[in-house]
Amino acid sequence: MTQLCLLYGALRSGTTMLRLMLDGHPRLICPGETDFLTDHLRPAPGTPSGWRYDLEALAADRIFRASPANLPDTDEAEAAFADMFADLAESAGEDSTLVLVAHRGLDRLLDLRPRMPVLHLLRDPRDVARSAVGMGWAGNSYYGAETWLKTEAAWEASRQRLALGQVHTLRYESLVHQPEAELSRVMDFLGLDYDTGLLTYAEHSTYNPPAPDLAEQWRQHQDQRELGLLEPRLGRLMEARGYAASGAPAITPGPGRRLGLWLQNKRGVWGHRIGRYGVIDPLLLAAGTRLHLAPLARGAQARIDRKKIARLK
C-alpha cells in the first residue's frame, strides 16, 4: 500500500532540490510540485472535509496538467483528492511512499490528510528573499520576503495540529553542507534505509550537486541598508526559526521610503512579466483577476503558460 508524506517549505527554500534527492530513493516517488491539490479548493460547509474543488480552475492549472493526475469525476474534496492521489502513486511499488510538495495550503492538506508525516524544510529567509527577486517575483528583498513570511506564518497557525513525531524539520544550510548526514536523518524519520541514489539527481536534472557555497549567499549580496530594512520585517519569525540577525542597524521606513519600496517592487515585477510575456497578456490577467472575469483571466493565463512551457529546459 502506498503511503503519503508531505514536503513543506517556502518557494525558493530548496524544495525542488530535496524533492529530486528523495526521488532517487527506490521506495520514494516524488512527482513534482503539487500545490494544485489545495490551490483550487473552495469552502463547502456541510461536507466531510469542508472543501470542494473548482474543477474548471483545476483543469486550467499548468502544473496539474503536467502531472500524472487526471481530472477527478467529482468535486467533493475527499473523493477527488483520493482519485488524484491514486493517479500520482500509480507508478509506485508496494510499500512505497508518495511525497507531495507544497508551499502553501497546509491547513487544507491537514483537513484532508491530518496524520501524514511532514518534512518541514527551512532556508534562511534573507536568501529566500534574494532568490525571489532573481526570479522576478519581487522588485526588492523587502517584498521578496513575503513568500517566506506567508509560508512560515501558515506553519505557525497549523503546527499545533501536528502530533509529536509527525514532523521532521531540516535546514537547507545543513543539507548542502552535510547532505549524507541530513538525508540519513530524513530516511530514519520515514522508516527507510539510506540509499546512494539520493545524491545522483545531478546526473539526470539541471540541478547541481549540493555545495556549501549555496548557503548564506546573502552575506555577499545584501548590503547593510538592505539588511537593515529586511531583518526587522522578518523579525520574530526569523529568530524563532534559528536565524540570527546580521547586526545591521535597523531601518524603519517612513511613508516616503515605503512608497519607494512599493514602486520599486511593482516596477521590478511588471518589468519581468512584460519582458517575458509581452504587455497584453499580463494586463489581461491582472484585469480579469481583479474584476472576477474568469474567462478573461484564464485565457491570458493559458497564453502565458504556453510561453512558460516553451522556456522550460
C-alpha atoms as a PDB file:
ATOM      1  CA  MET A   1       0.000   0.000   0.000  1.00  0.00           C
ATOM      2  CA  THR A   2       1.365   3.432  -0.960  1.00  0.00           C
ATOM      3  CA  GLN A   3       1.957   5.788   1.962  1.00  0.00           C
ATOM      4  CA  LEU A   4       1.839   9.582   1.897  1.00  0.00           C
ATOM      5  CA  CYS A   5       4.329  12.206   3.072  1.00  0.00           C
ATOM      6  CA  LEU A   6       4.366  15.996   2.696  1.00  0.00           C
ATOM      7  CA  LEU A   7       7.403  18.150   1.933  1.00  0.00           C
ATOM      8  CA  TYR A   8       6.519  21.693   3.002  1.00  0.00           C
ATOM      9  CA  GLY A   9       8.597  24.837   2.650  1.00  0.00           C
ATOM     10  CA  ALA A  10       8.661  28.301   1.149  1.00  0.00           C
ATOM     11  CA  LEU A  11       9.215  28.799  -2.555  1.00  0.00           C
ATOM     12  CA  ARG A  12      12.964  29.169  -3.225  1.00  0.00           C
ATOM     13  CA  SER A  13      13.811  27.333   0.007  1.00  0.00           C
ATOM     14  CA  GLY A  14      15.269  24.267  -1.729  1.00  0.00           C
ATOM     15  CA  THR A  15      12.147  22.124  -2.030  1.00  0.00           C
ATOM     16  CA  THR A  16      12.937  21.201  -5.644  1.00  0.00           C
ATOM     17  CA  MET A  17      16.464  20.092  -4.790  1.00  0.00           C
ATOM     18  CA  LEU A  18      15.234  17.997  -1.863  1.00  0.00           C
ATOM     19  CA  ARG A  19      12.421  16.553  -3.952  1.00  0.00           C
ATOM     20  CA  LEU A  20      14.934  15.479  -6.623  1.00  0.00           C
ATOM     21  CA  MET A  21      17.073  13.878  -3.927  1.00  0.00           C
ATOM     22  CA  LEU A  22      14.151  11.948  -2.466  1.00  0.00           C
ATOM     23  CA  ASP A  23      13.020  10.801  -5.894  1.00  0.00           C
ATOM     24  CA  GLY A  24      16.306   8.932  -6.219  1.00  0.00           C
ATOM     25  CA  HIS A  25      15.310   6.533  -3.443  1.00  0.00           C
ATOM     26  CA  PRO A  26      13.776   3.286  -4.767  1.00  0.00           C
ATOM     27  CA  ARG A  27      10.909   3.443  -2.262  1.00  0.00           C
ATOM     28  CA  LEU A  28      10.034   7.120  -2.678  1.00  0.00           C
ATOM     29  CA  ILE A  29       8.134   8.698  -5.540  1.00  0.00           C
ATOM     30  CA  CYS A  30       8.117  12.481  -5.937  1.00  0.00           C
ATOM     31  CA  PRO A  31       6.078  13.525  -8.986  1.00  0.00           C
ATOM     32  CA  GLY A  32       6.834  17.255  -8.664  1.00  0.00           C
ATOM     33  CA  GLU A  33       5.119  20.269  -7.178  1.00  0.00           C
ATOM     34  CA  THR A  34       1.562  19.569  -6.060  1.00  0.00           C
ATOM     35  CA  ASP A  35       0.217  22.935  -4.882  1.00  0.00           C
ATOM     36  CA  PHE A  36      -2.704  22.339  -7.241  1.00  0.00           C
ATOM     37  CA  LEU A  37      -4.078  19.957  -4.610  1.00  0.00           C
ATOM     38  CA  THR A  38      -5.021  22.958  -2.456  1.00  0.00           C
ATOM     39  CA  ASP A  39      -4.969  25.987  -4.766  1.00  0.00           C
ATOM     40  CA  HIS A  40      -8.389  25.145  -6.207  1.00  0.00           C
ATOM     41  CA  LEU A  41     -10.239  24.094  -3.068  1.00  0.00           C
ATOM     42  CA  ARG A  42     -13.269  26.196  -2.196  1.00  0.00           C
ATOM     43  CA  PRO A  43     -15.095  26.288   1.179  1.00  0.00           C
ATOM     44  CA  ALA A  44     -18.052  23.898   1.312  1.00  0.00           C
ATOM     45  CA  PRO A  45     -19.690  23.858   4.758  1.00  0.00           C
ATOM     46  CA  GLY A  46     -21.507  20.640   5.482  1.00  0.00           C
ATOM     47  CA  THR A  47     -19.143  18.383   3.527  1.00  0.00           C
ATOM     48  CA  PRO A  48     -16.887  15.924   5.424  1.00  0.00           C
ATOM     49  CA  SER A  49     -13.726  17.956   4.829  1.00  0.00           C
ATOM     50  CA  GLY A  50     -15.336  21.384   4.474  1.00  0.00           C
ATOM     51  CA  TRP A  51     -13.973  21.784   0.925  1.00  0.00           C
ATOM     52  CA  ARG A  52     -14.876  21.238  -2.727  1.00  0.00           C
ATOM     53  CA  TYR A  53     -12.680  21.532  -5.822  1.00  0.00           C
ATOM     54  CA  ASP A  54     -13.179  24.132  -8.513  1.00  0.00           C
ATOM     55  CA  LEU A  55     -12.707  21.589 -11.281  1.00  0.00           C
ATOM     56  CA  GLU A  56     -12.652  24.194 -14.049  1.00  0.00           C
ATOM     57  CA  ALA A  57      -9.793  26.051 -12.372  1.00  0.00           C
ATOM     58  CA  LEU A  58      -8.005  22.782 -11.624  1.00  0.00           C
ATOM     59  CA  ALA A  59      -8.251  21.704 -15.277  1.00  0.00           C
ATOM     60  CA  ALA A  60      -6.658  25.003 -16.345  1.00  0.00           C
ATOM     61  CA  ASP A  61      -3.735  24.722 -13.912  1.00  0.00           C
ATOM     62  CA  ARG A  62      -0.457  24.297 -15.814  1.00  0.00           C
ATOM     63  CA  ILE A  63       1.234  22.253 -13.076  1.00  0.00           C
ATOM     64  CA  PHE A  64      -1.788  19.962 -12.741  1.00  0.00           C
ATOM     65  CA  ARG A  65      -1.890  19.378 -16.500  1.00  0.00           C
ATOM     66  CA  ALA A  66       1.797  18.424 -16.465  1.00  0.00           C
ATOM     67  CA  SER A  67       1.294  15.977 -13.583  1.00  0.00           C
ATOM     68  CA  PRO A  68       0.259  12.296 -13.824  1.00  0.00           C
ATOM     69  CA  ALA A  69      -3.087  13.131 -12.185  1.00  0.00           C
ATOM     70  CA  ASN A  70      -6.339  13.040 -14.124  1.00  0.00           C
ATOM     71  CA  LEU A  71      -9.243  15.397 -13.570  1.00  0.00           C
ATOM     72  CA  PRO A  72     -11.460  13.865 -10.855  1.00  0.00           C
ATOM     73  CA  ASP A  73     -15.020  12.839 -11.649  1.00  0.00           C
ATOM     74  CA  THR A  74     -16.292  14.608  -8.546  1.00  0.00           C
ATOM     75  CA  ASP A  75     -15.646  17.964  -6.899  1.00  0.00           C
ATOM     76  CA  GLU A  76     -16.113  16.525  -3.371  1.00  0.00           C
ATOM     77  CA  ALA A  77     -12.703  17.126  -1.828  1.00  0.00           C
ATOM     78  CA  GLU A  78     -12.118  13.776  -0.063  1.00  0.00           C
ATOM     79  CA  ALA A  79     -13.048  11.679  -3.085  1.00  0.00           C
ATOM     80  CA  ALA A  80     -11.280  13.946  -5.587  1.00  0.00           C
ATOM     81  CA  PHE A  81      -8.097  14.012  -3.507  1.00  0.00           C
ATOM     82  CA  ALA A  82      -8.171  10.210  -3.240  1.00  0.00           C
ATOM     83  CA  ASP A  83      -8.519   9.917  -7.031  1.00  0.00           C
ATOM     84  CA  MET A  84      -5.585  12.243  -7.671  1.00  0.00           C
ATOM     85  CA  PHE A  85      -3.512  10.503  -5.004  1.00  0.00           C
ATOM     86  CA  ALA A  86      -4.110   7.185  -6.771  1.00  0.00           C
ATOM     87  CA  ASP A  87      -3.037   8.692 -10.115  1.00  0.00           C
ATOM     88  CA  LEU A  88       0.118  10.238  -8.651  1.00  0.00           C
ATOM     89  CA  ALA A  89       1.036   6.991  -6.859  1.00  0.00           C
ATOM     90  CA  GLU A  90       0.289   4.695  -9.807  1.00  0.00           C
ATOM     91  CA  SER A  91       3.945   4.111 -10.671  1.00  0.00           C
ATOM     92  CA  ALA A  92       4.902   3.404  -7.052  1.00  0.00           C
ATOM     93  CA  GLY A  93       5.637  -0.107  -5.944  1.00  0.00           C
ATOM     94  CA  GLU A  94       4.334  -1.864  -2.864  1.00  0.00           C
ATOM     95  CA  ASP A  95       5.265  -0.222   0.442  1.00  0.00           C
ATOM     96  CA  SER A  96       6.368   2.941  -1.367  1.00  0.00           C
ATOM     97  CA  THR A  97       5.795   6.492  -0.166  1.00  0.00           C
ATOM     98  CA  LEU A  98       4.410   9.290  -2.322  1.00  0.00           C
ATOM     99  CA  VAL A  99       5.941  12.670  -1.438  1.00  0.00           C
ATOM    100  CA  LEU A 100       3.743  15.699  -2.073  1.00  0.00           C
ATOM    101  CA  VAL A 101       5.493  19.066  -2.401  1.00  0.00           C
ATOM    102  CA  ALA A 102       3.587  22.101  -1.126  1.00  0.00           C
ATOM    103  CA  HIS A 103       4.477  25.720  -0.456  1.00  0.00           C
ATOM    104  CA  ARG A 104       1.049  26.811   0.790  1.00  0.00           C
ATOM    105  CA  GLY A 105      -2.334  25.413   1.774  1.00  0.00           C
ATOM    106  CA  LEU A 106      -1.002  23.483   4.767  1.00  0.00           C
ATOM    107  CA  ASP A 107      -4.265  23.848   6.699  1.00  0.00           C
ATOM    108  CA  ARG A 108      -6.242  22.439   3.780  1.00  0.00           C
ATOM    109  CA  LEU A 109      -3.921  19.475   3.342  1.00  0.00           C
ATOM    110  CA  LEU A 110      -4.221  18.690   7.027  1.00  0.00           C
ATOM    111  CA  ASP A 111      -8.008  18.836   6.719  1.00  0.00           C
ATOM    112  CA  LEU A 112      -7.748  16.125   4.050  1.00  0.00           C
ATOM    113  CA  ARG A 113      -4.877  14.048   5.490  1.00  0.00           C
ATOM    114  CA  PRO A 114      -4.349  15.040   9.147  1.00  0.00           C
ATOM    115  CA  ARG A 115      -1.931  12.249  10.094  1.00  0.00           C
ATOM    116  CA  MET A 116       0.533  12.270   7.216  1.00  0.00           C
ATOM    117  CA  PRO A 117       4.217  12.777   8.145  1.00  0.00           C
ATOM    118  CA  VAL A 118       5.586  16.213   7.261  1.00  0.00           C
ATOM    119  CA  LEU A 119       9.099  17.242   6.221  1.00  0.00           C
ATOM    120  CA  HIS A 120       9.453  20.937   7.060  1.00  0.00           C
ATOM    121  CA  LEU A 121      12.281  22.498   5.036  1.00  0.00           C
ATOM    122  CA  LEU A 122      13.744  25.797   6.255  1.00  0.00           C
ATOM    123  CA  ARG A 123      16.101  28.178   4.487  1.00  0.00           C
ATOM    124  CA  ASP A 124      17.487  31.491   5.686  1.00  0.00           C
ATOM    125  CA  PRO A 125      14.763  33.990   4.723  1.00  0.00           C
ATOM    126  CA  ARG A 126      17.353  36.509   3.550  1.00  0.00           C
ATOM    127  CA  ASP A 127      18.414  34.039   0.848  1.00  0.00           C
ATOM    128  CA  VAL A 128      14.785  33.241   0.020  1.00  0.00           C
ATOM    129  CA  ALA A 129      14.056  36.967  -0.399  1.00  0.00           C
ATOM    130  CA  ARG A 130      17.110  37.459  -2.596  1.00  0.00           C
ATOM    131  CA  SER A 131      16.171  34.471  -4.741  1.00  0.00           C
ATOM    132  CA  ALA A 132      12.595  35.728  -5.159  1.00  0.00           C
ATOM    133  CA  VAL A 133      13.991  38.940  -6.649  1.00  0.00           C
ATOM    134  CA  GLY A 134      16.135  36.892  -9.017  1.00  0.00           C
ATOM    135  CA  MET A 135      13.031  35.021 -10.184  1.00  0.00           C
ATOM    136  CA  GLY A 136      11.219  38.269 -10.942  1.00  0.00           C
ATOM    137  CA  TRP A 137       8.608  37.665  -8.241  1.00  0.00           C
ATOM    138  CA  ALA A 138       9.611  40.818  -6.383  1.00  0.00           C
ATOM    139  CA  GLY A 139      11.456  44.018  -7.161  1.00  0.00           C
ATOM    140  CA  ASN A 140      13.425  44.129  -3.902  1.00  0.00           C
ATOM    141  CA  SER A 141      14.190  41.822  -0.993  1.00  0.00           C
ATOM    142  CA  TYR A 142      11.830  43.748   1.306  1.00  0.00           C
ATOM    143  CA  TYR A 143       8.942  42.418  -0.786  1.00  0.00           C
ATOM    144  CA  GLY A 144      10.796  39.233  -1.724  1.00  0.00           C
ATOM    145  CA  ALA A 145      10.453  38.147   1.908  1.00  0.00           C
ATOM    146  CA  GLU A 146       6.673  37.798   1.569  1.00  0.00           C
ATOM    147  CA  THR A 147       6.754  34.225   0.262  1.00  0.00           C
ATOM    148  CA  TRP A 148       8.790  33.061   3.281  1.00  0.00           C
ATOM    149  CA  LEU A 149       6.700  35.043   5.767  1.00  0.00           C
ATOM    150  CA  LYS A 150       3.410  33.650   4.425  1.00  0.00           C
ATOM    151  CA  THR A 151       4.661  30.053   4.397  1.00  0.00           C
ATOM    152  CA  GLU A 152       6.064  30.218   7.907  1.00  0.00           C
ATOM    153  CA  ALA A 153       3.056  32.112   9.298  1.00  0.00           C
ATOM    154  CA  ALA A 154       0.879  29.288   7.935  1.00  0.00           C
ATOM    155  CA  TRP A 155       3.189  26.815   9.665  1.00  0.00           C
ATOM    156  CA  GLU A 156       2.774  28.667  12.950  1.00  0.00           C
ATOM    157  CA  ALA A 157      -1.004  28.573  12.566  1.00  0.00           C
ATOM    158  CA  SER A 158      -1.141  24.826  11.847  1.00  0.00           C
ATOM    159  CA  ARG A 159       1.699  23.246  13.811  1.00  0.00           C
ATOM    160  CA  GLN A 160      -0.451  22.576  16.885  1.00  0.00           C
ATOM    161  CA  ARG A 161      -2.444  20.178  14.720  1.00  0.00           C
ATOM    162  CA  LEU A 162       0.662  18.050  14.172  1.00  0.00           C
ATOM    163  CA  ALA A 163       1.426  15.299  16.663  1.00  0.00           C
ATOM    164  CA  LEU A 164       4.764  14.637  18.326  1.00  0.00           C
ATOM    165  CA  GLY A 165       6.844  12.592  15.920  1.00  0.00           C
ATOM    166  CA  GLN A 166       4.787  13.644  12.888  1.00  0.00           C
ATOM    167  CA  VAL A 167       7.245  16.353  11.811  1.00  0.00           C
ATOM    168  CA  HIS A 168      10.900  16.377  10.838  1.00  0.00           C
ATOM    169  CA  THR A 169      12.445  19.817  10.311  1.00  0.00           C
ATOM    170  CA  LEU A 170      15.648  20.201   8.325  1.00  0.00           C
ATOM    171  CA  ARG A 171      17.613  23.211   7.191  1.00  0.00           C
ATOM    172  CA  TYR A 172      18.756  23.911   3.652  1.00  0.00           C
ATOM    173  CA  GLU A 173      22.080  25.123   5.033  1.00  0.00           C
ATOM    174  CA  SER A 174      22.737  21.805   6.787  1.00  0.00           C
ATOM    175  CA  LEU A 175      21.563  19.880   3.741  1.00  0.00           C
ATOM    176  CA  VAL A 176      24.114  21.480   1.411  1.00  0.00           C
ATOM    177  CA  HIS A 177      26.921  21.245   3.987  1.00  0.00           C
ATOM    178  CA  GLN A 178      26.279  17.647   5.113  1.00  0.00           C
ATOM    179  CA  PRO A 179      23.909  16.032   2.614  1.00  0.00           C
ATOM    180  CA  GLU A 180      24.552  12.407   3.584  1.00  0.00           C
ATOM    181  CA  ALA A 181      24.024  13.051   7.294  1.00  0.00           C
ATOM    182  CA  GLU A 182      20.880  15.133   6.771  1.00  0.00           C
ATOM    183  CA  LEU A 183      19.373  12.672   4.305  1.00  0.00           C
ATOM    184  CA  SER A 184      20.122   9.806   6.687  1.00  0.00           C
ATOM    185  CA  ARG A 185      18.052  11.602   9.332  1.00  0.00           C
ATOM    186  CA  VAL A 186      15.225  12.082   6.825  1.00  0.00           C
ATOM    187  CA  MET A 187      15.322   8.364   5.990  1.00  0.00           C
ATOM    188  CA  ASP A 188      15.192   7.483   9.701  1.00  0.00           C
ATOM    189  CA  PHE A 189      12.117   9.705  10.041  1.00  0.00           C
ATOM    190  CA  LEU A 190      10.450   7.949   7.103  1.00  0.00           C
ATOM    191  CA  GLY A 191      11.473   4.500   8.331  1.00  0.00           C
ATOM    192  CA  LEU A 192      13.673   3.792   5.312  1.00  0.00           C
ATOM    193  CA  ASP A 193      17.299   2.830   4.759  1.00  0.00           C
ATOM    194  CA  TYR A 194      19.706   5.343   3.274  1.00  0.00           C
ATOM    195  CA  ASP A 195      20.317   4.805  -0.453  1.00  0.00           C
ATOM    196  CA  THR A 196      23.131   6.225  -2.590  1.00  0.00           C
ATOM    197  CA  GLY A 197      20.564   7.125  -5.256  1.00  0.00           C
ATOM    198  CA  LEU A 198      19.544  10.083  -3.093  1.00  0.00           C
ATOM    199  CA  LEU A 199      22.565  12.036  -4.342  1.00  0.00           C
ATOM    200  CA  THR A 200      22.518  11.122  -8.041  1.00  0.00           C
ATOM    201  CA  TYR A 201      19.949  13.726  -9.141  1.00  0.00           C
ATOM    202  CA  ALA A 202      22.581  15.917 -10.852  1.00  0.00           C
ATOM    203  CA  GLU A 203      23.066  13.122 -13.410  1.00  0.00           C
ATOM    204  CA  HIS A 204      19.517  13.464 -14.747  1.00  0.00           C
ATOM    205  CA  SER A 205      18.436  17.032 -13.952  1.00  0.00           C
ATOM    206  CA  THR A 206      19.631  20.605 -14.457  1.00  0.00           C
ATOM    207  CA  TYR A 207      20.388  20.940 -10.732  1.00  0.00           C
ATOM    208  CA  ASN A 208      23.982  20.868  -9.497  1.00  0.00           C
ATOM    209  CA  PRO A 209      25.110  18.662  -6.593  1.00  0.00           C
ATOM    210  CA  PRO A 210      24.733  20.208  -3.115  1.00  0.00           C
ATOM    211  CA  ALA A 211      27.599  22.541  -2.236  1.00  0.00           C
ATOM    212  CA  PRO A 212      28.315  24.645   0.869  1.00  0.00           C
ATOM    213  CA  ASP A 213      28.603  27.861  -1.154  1.00  0.00           C
ATOM    214  CA  LEU A 214      24.867  27.649  -1.881  1.00  0.00           C
ATOM    215  CA  ALA A 215      24.188  28.615   1.741  1.00  0.00           C
ATOM    216  CA  GLU A 216      24.181  32.129   3.225  1.00  0.00           C
ATOM    217  CA  GLN A 217      24.691  33.886  -0.087  1.00  0.00           C
ATOM    218  CA  TRP A 218      23.038  36.936   1.426  1.00  0.00           C
ATOM    219  CA  ARG A 219      26.313  37.699   3.193  1.00  0.00           C
ATOM    220  CA  GLN A 220      27.939  38.542  -0.152  1.00  0.00           C
ATOM    221  CA  HIS A 221      24.950  40.015  -1.963  1.00  0.00           C
ATOM    222  CA  GLN A 222      22.994  42.136   0.545  1.00  0.00           C
ATOM    223  CA  ASP A 223      24.418  45.352   1.970  1.00  0.00           C
ATOM    224  CA  GLN A 224      23.798  46.911   5.372  1.00  0.00           C
ATOM    225  CA  ARG A 225      20.975  49.130   4.141  1.00  0.00           C
ATOM    226  CA  GLU A 226      19.113  46.222   2.522  1.00  0.00           C
ATOM    227  CA  LEU A 227      19.545  44.071   5.627  1.00  0.00           C
ATOM    228  CA  GLY A 228      18.513  46.951   7.864  1.00  0.00           C
ATOM    229  CA  LEU A 229      15.198  47.172   6.034  1.00  0.00           C
ATOM    230  CA  LEU A 230      14.669  43.428   5.623  1.00  0.00           C
ATOM    231  CA  GLU A 231      15.556  41.957   9.006  1.00  0.00           C
ATOM    232  CA  PRO A 232      13.061  43.984  11.071  1.00  0.00           C
ATOM    233  CA  ARG A 233      10.340  42.827   8.716  1.00  0.00           C
ATOM    234  CA  LEU A 234      11.364  39.196   9.207  1.00  0.00           C
ATOM    235  CA  GLY A 235      11.679  39.874  12.933  1.00  0.00           C
ATOM    236  CA  ARG A 236      10.261  37.302  15.324  1.00  0.00           C
ATOM    237  CA  LEU A 237       9.753  34.548  12.765  1.00  0.00           C
ATOM    238  CA  MET A 238      13.351  34.678  11.577  1.00  0.00           C
ATOM    239  CA  GLU A 239      14.667  34.447  15.123  1.00  0.00           C
ATOM    240  CA  ALA A 240      12.150  31.732  16.031  1.00  0.00           C
ATOM    241  CA  ARG A 241      13.498  29.637  13.157  1.00  0.00           C
ATOM    242  CA  GLY A 242      17.046  29.973  14.473  1.00  0.00           C
ATOM    243  CA  TYR A 243      18.459  32.566  12.065  1.00  0.00           C
ATOM    244  CA  ALA A 244      20.403  35.291  13.841  1.00  0.00           C
ATOM    245  CA  ALA A 245      20.267  38.912  12.760  1.00  0.00           C
ATOM    246  CA  SER A 246      23.317  40.255  10.950  1.00  0.00           C
ATOM    247  CA  GLY A 247      23.787  43.221  13.256  1.00  0.00           C
ATOM    248  CA  ALA A 248      22.943  45.747  10.551  1.00  0.00           C
ATOM    249  CA  PRO A 249      21.310  48.872  12.032  1.00  0.00           C
ATOM    250  CA  ALA A 250      17.528  48.519  11.813  1.00  0.00           C
ATOM    251  CA  ILE A 251      15.783  50.911   9.430  1.00  0.00           C
ATOM    252  CA  THR A 252      12.132  51.781   9.957  1.00  0.00           C
ATOM    253  CA  PRO A 253      10.884  53.048   6.598  1.00  0.00           C
ATOM    254  CA  GLY A 254       8.762  56.175   6.728  1.00  0.00           C
ATOM    255  CA  PRO A 255       5.891  56.854   4.303  1.00  0.00           C
ATOM    256  CA  GLY A 256       8.195  58.131   1.570  1.00  0.00           C
ATOM    257  CA  ARG A 257      10.562  55.170   1.749  1.00  0.00           C
ATOM    258  CA  ARG A 258       7.650  52.678   1.915  1.00  0.00           C
ATOM    259  CA  LEU A 259       6.227  54.251  -1.225  1.00  0.00           C
ATOM    260  CA  GLY A 260       9.627  53.985  -2.884  1.00  0.00           C
ATOM    261  CA  LEU A 261       9.926  50.304  -1.947  1.00  0.00           C
ATOM    262  CA  TRP A 262       6.420  49.634  -3.261  1.00  0.00           C
ATOM    263  CA  LEU A 263       7.135  51.384  -6.563  1.00  0.00           C
ATOM    264  CA  GLN A 264      10.464  49.570  -6.914  1.00  0.00           C
ATOM    265  CA  ASN A 265       8.695  46.268  -6.314  1.00  0.00           C
ATOM    266  CA  LYS A 266       5.962  46.964  -8.876  1.00  0.00           C
ATOM    267  CA  ARG A 267       8.498  48.144 -11.446  1.00  0.00           C
ATOM    268  CA  GLY A 268      10.602  45.012 -10.967  1.00  0.00           C
ATOM    269  CA  VAL A 269       7.679  42.572 -11.107  1.00  0.00           C
ATOM    270  CA  TRP A 270       5.999  44.172 -14.108  1.00  0.00           C
ATOM    271  CA  GLY A 271       9.286  44.649 -15.908  1.00  0.00           C
ATOM    272  CA  HIS A 272       9.943  40.923 -15.550  1.00  0.00           C
ATOM    273  CA  ARG A 273       6.438  39.951 -16.684  1.00  0.00           C
ATOM    274  CA  ILE A 274       6.424  42.229 -19.710  1.00  0.00           C
ATOM    275  CA  GLY A 275       9.941  41.211 -20.673  1.00  0.00           C
ATOM    276  CA  ARG A 276       8.933  37.548 -20.744  1.00  0.00           C
ATOM    277  CA  TYR A 277       5.282  37.550 -21.764  1.00  0.00           C
ATOM    278  CA  GLY A 278       4.683  40.857 -23.523  1.00  0.00           C
ATOM    279  CA  VAL A 279       2.351  43.650 -22.433  1.00  0.00           C
ATOM    280  CA  ILE A 280      -1.124  42.411 -23.336  1.00  0.00           C
ATOM    281  CA  ASP A 281      -1.499  39.082 -21.538  1.00  0.00           C
ATOM    282  CA  PRO A 282      -0.133  40.205 -18.145  1.00  0.00           C
ATOM    283  CA  LEU A 283      -2.507  43.184 -18.245  1.00  0.00           C
ATOM    284  CA  LEU A 284      -5.470  40.999 -19.246  1.00  0.00           C
ATOM    285  CA  LEU A 285      -4.639  38.518 -16.490  1.00  0.00           C
ATOM    286  CA  ALA A 286      -4.447  41.271 -13.866  1.00  0.00           C
ATOM    287  CA  ALA A 287      -7.707  42.860 -15.068  1.00  0.00           C
ATOM    288  CA  GLY A 288      -9.552  39.551 -15.266  1.00  0.00           C
ATOM    289  CA  THR A 289      -8.408  38.581 -11.767  1.00  0.00           C
ATOM    290  CA  ARG A 290      -9.287  41.941 -10.206  1.00  0.00           C
ATOM    291  CA  LEU A 291     -12.688  42.158 -11.911  1.00  0.00           C
ATOM    292  CA  HIS A 292     -13.536  38.468 -11.307  1.00  0.00           C
ATOM    293  CA  LEU A 293     -13.773  37.804 -15.042  1.00  0.00           C
ATOM    294  CA  ALA A 294     -12.616  34.195 -15.005  1.00  0.00           C
ATOM    295  CA  PRO A 295     -12.726  33.538 -18.797  1.00  0.00           C
ATOM    296  CA  LEU A 296     -10.603  36.632 -19.483  1.00  0.00           C
ATOM    297  CA  ALA A 297      -8.058  35.710 -16.791  1.00  0.00           C
ATOM    298  CA  ARG A 298      -7.864  32.054 -17.814  1.00  0.00           C
ATOM    299  CA  GLY A 299      -7.375  32.865 -21.482  1.00  0.00           C
ATOM    300  CA  ALA A 300      -4.480  35.193 -20.659  1.00  0.00           C
ATOM    301  CA  GLN A 301      -3.033  32.675 -18.206  1.00  0.00           C
ATOM    302  CA  ALA A 302      -3.184  29.914 -20.811  1.00  0.00           C
ATOM    303  CA  ARG A 303      -1.169  32.001 -23.276  1.00  0.00           C
ATOM    304  CA  ILE A 304       1.357  32.885 -20.561  1.00  0.00           C
ATOM    305  CA  ASP A 305       1.588  29.204 -19.612  1.00  0.00           C
ATOM    306  CA  ARG A 306       2.424  28.258 -23.190  1.00  0.00           C
ATOM    307  CA  LYS A 307       5.308  30.735 -23.116  1.00  0.00           C
ATOM    308  CA  LYS A 308       6.467  29.341 -19.773  1.00  0.00           C
ATOM    309  CA  ILE A 309       6.434  25.794 -21.134  1.00  0.00           C
ATOM    310  CA  ALA A 310       8.438  26.876 -24.159  1.00  0.00           C
ATOM    311  CA  ARG A 311      11.127  28.258 -21.845  1.00  0.00           C
ATOM    312  CA  LEU A 312      11.429  25.092 -19.757  1.00  0.00           C
ATOM    313  CA  LYS A 313      14.679  23.161 -20.138  1.00  0.00           C
END
